[in-house]
Amino acid sequence: QVQLVESGGGLVQAGGSLRLSCAASGSRFSTIGWYRQAPGKQRELVATITNSGSTNYADSVEGRCTISRDNAKNTVYLQMYSAKPEDTAVYYCNARATVALGFSVDYWGQGTQVTVSS
């Protein structure tokens, strides 16, 4: 079974940093990434990384976040710098598996709360 284990959430002061981890198992994933959802807002992309190492970042975190992977540990990391109160949200790990041409299935972690205090 597919399993996404998230860790690293918690409280951080504004201007501080944190690192989220997502250990993915149970399938072959083309892309693993992080999304977040703040109260009253839709879930939004934070960053993604492909198996080949290509990365994409949302404009809101560009320059403040780095996504990376450790293939040996089968884990993806999201490092955030200069955290802002606006970054407060539940962060979800997403793992995408391509099951057919032009069709993918997304698997989601349970989410980890990140709170940035002002």
Protein backbone atom coordinates (compact mmCIF):
# COMPACT_ATOMS: atom_id res chain seq x y z
CA GLN A 1 0.00 0.00 0.00
CA VAL A 2 1.04 3.56 -0.62
CA GLN A 3 2.18 5.30 2.51
CA LEU A 4 3.30 8.88 2.96
CA VAL A 5 4.77 9.69 6.34
CA GLU A 6 5.14 13.39 7.06
CA SER A 7 7.15 14.97 9.81
CA GLY A 8 8.73 18.26 10.79
CA GLY A 9 5.71 20.43 11.37
CA GLY A 10 5.41 22.66 14.36
CA LEU A 11 5.82 26.19 15.61
CA VAL A 12 8.44 28.50 14.18
CA GLN A 13 9.10 32.18 14.73
CA ALA A 14 8.75 34.63 11.89
CA GLY A 15 12.04 34.81 10.06
CA GLY A 16 13.02 31.36 11.19
CA SER A 17 13.34 28.15 9.26
CA LEU A 18 11.97 24.66 9.31
CA ARG A 19 12.28 21.42 7.41
CA LEU A 20 9.46 19.10 6.50
CA SER A 21 10.05 15.50 5.55
CA CYS A 22 7.95 13.10 3.52
CA ALA A 23 8.87 9.44 3.36
CA ALA A 24 7.06 7.85 0.45
CA SER A 25 6.66 4.15 -0.14
CA GLY A 26 4.43 1.61 -1.82
CA SER A 27 4.65 2.74 -5.44
CA ARG A 28 6.77 4.41 -8.06
CA PHE A 29 6.19 8.13 -8.08
CA SER A 30 6.96 10.48 -10.92
CA THR A 31 6.68 13.56 -8.74
CA ILE A 32 6.60 14.22 -5.03
CA GLY A 33 5.73 17.60 -3.64
CA TRP A 34 4.31 19.70 -0.90
CA TYR A 35 1.03 21.56 -0.85
CA ARG A 36 -0.52 23.63 1.88
CA GLN A 37 -3.93 24.77 2.95
CA ALA A 38 -4.55 27.73 5.21
CA PRO A 39 -7.88 28.34 6.97
CA GLY A 40 -10.46 29.62 4.52
CA LYS A 41 -8.22 29.07 1.52
CA GLN A 42 -7.86 26.43 -1.15
CA ARG A 43 -5.04 23.97 -1.10
CA GLU A 44 -2.13 25.36 -3.06
CA LEU A 45 1.14 24.19 -4.48
CA VAL A 46 4.29 24.91 -2.53
CA ALA A 47 6.96 22.94 -4.37
CA THR A 48 7.46 19.72 -6.30
CA ILE A 49 10.40 17.59 -7.32
CA THR A 50 10.54 14.88 -9.96
CA ASN A 51 12.45 11.63 -9.83
CA SER A 52 15.05 13.21 -12.08
CA GLY A 53 15.48 16.14 -9.72
CA SER A 54 13.59 18.87 -11.54
CA THR A 55 11.92 21.32 -9.17
CA ASN A 56 9.06 23.77 -9.32
CA TYR A 57 8.08 26.39 -6.77
CA ALA A 58 5.06 28.52 -6.17
CA ASP A 59 5.66 32.23 -6.64
CA SER A 60 4.75 32.82 -3.01
CA VAL A 61 7.70 30.77 -1.76
CA GLU A 62 10.20 31.24 -4.57
CA GLY A 63 13.53 32.10 -3.02
CA ARG A 64 12.46 31.04 0.46
CA CYS A 65 11.98 27.32 -0.03
CA THR A 66 14.12 24.49 -1.25
CA ILE A 67 12.78 21.05 -2.05
CA SER A 68 15.18 18.15 -2.21
CA ARG A 69 15.23 14.40 -2.11
CA ASP A 70 17.25 11.59 -0.66
CA ASN A 71 16.79 8.54 -2.84
CA ALA A 72 18.56 6.27 -0.38
CA LYS A 73 16.03 7.17 2.28
CA ASN A 74 13.16 7.53 -0.19
CA THR A 75 12.41 10.86 1.42
CA VAL A 76 11.64 14.33 0.13
CA TYR A 77 12.42 17.42 2.16
CA LEU A 78 11.02 20.92 2.12
CA GLN A 79 13.33 23.49 3.66
CA MET A 80 11.74 26.85 4.34
CA TYR A 81 13.71 29.97 5.16
CA SER A 82 12.52 33.35 6.36
CA ALA A 83 9.18 31.96 7.37
CA LYS A 84 6.28 34.37 7.39
CA PRO A 85 3.00 34.28 9.31
CA GLU A 86 1.34 33.88 5.92
CA ASP A 87 3.05 30.50 5.65
CA THR A 88 0.90 29.17 8.47
CA ALA A 89 -1.06 26.24 7.08
CA VAL A 90 -1.46 22.52 7.09
CA TYR A 91 1.20 21.14 4.78
CA TYR A 92 0.44 18.00 2.80
CA CYS A 93 2.85 15.71 1.05
CA ASN A 94 1.70 14.68 -2.41
CA ALA A 95 3.04 11.76 -4.42
CA ARG A 96 2.01 11.36 -8.04
CA ALA A 97 2.06 8.09 -9.91
CA THR A 98 1.51 7.88 -13.66
CA VAL A 99 -0.85 5.00 -14.37
CA ALA A 100 -1.54 5.66 -18.06
CA LEU A 101 -0.63 8.08 -20.81
CA GLY A 102 -1.87 11.49 -19.77
CA PHE A 103 -3.30 10.21 -16.51
CA SER A 104 -1.87 10.29 -13.02
CA VAL A 105 -3.05 9.41 -9.54
CA ASP A 106 -2.26 11.58 -6.56
CA TYR A 107 -1.68 10.22 -3.09
CA TRP A 108 -1.80 12.47 -0.07
CA GLY A 109 -0.33 12.43 3.38
CA GLN A 110 -2.43 13.25 6.39
CA GLY A 111 -0.93 16.71 6.74
CA THR A 112 1.31 18.39 9.26
CA GLN A 113 0.58 21.74 10.86
CA VAL A 114 3.05 24.58 10.42
CA THR A 115 2.46 27.68 12.50
CA VAL A 116 4.60 30.77 12.06
CA SER A 117 4.32 33.17 14.96
CA SER A 118 4.67 36.91 14.54
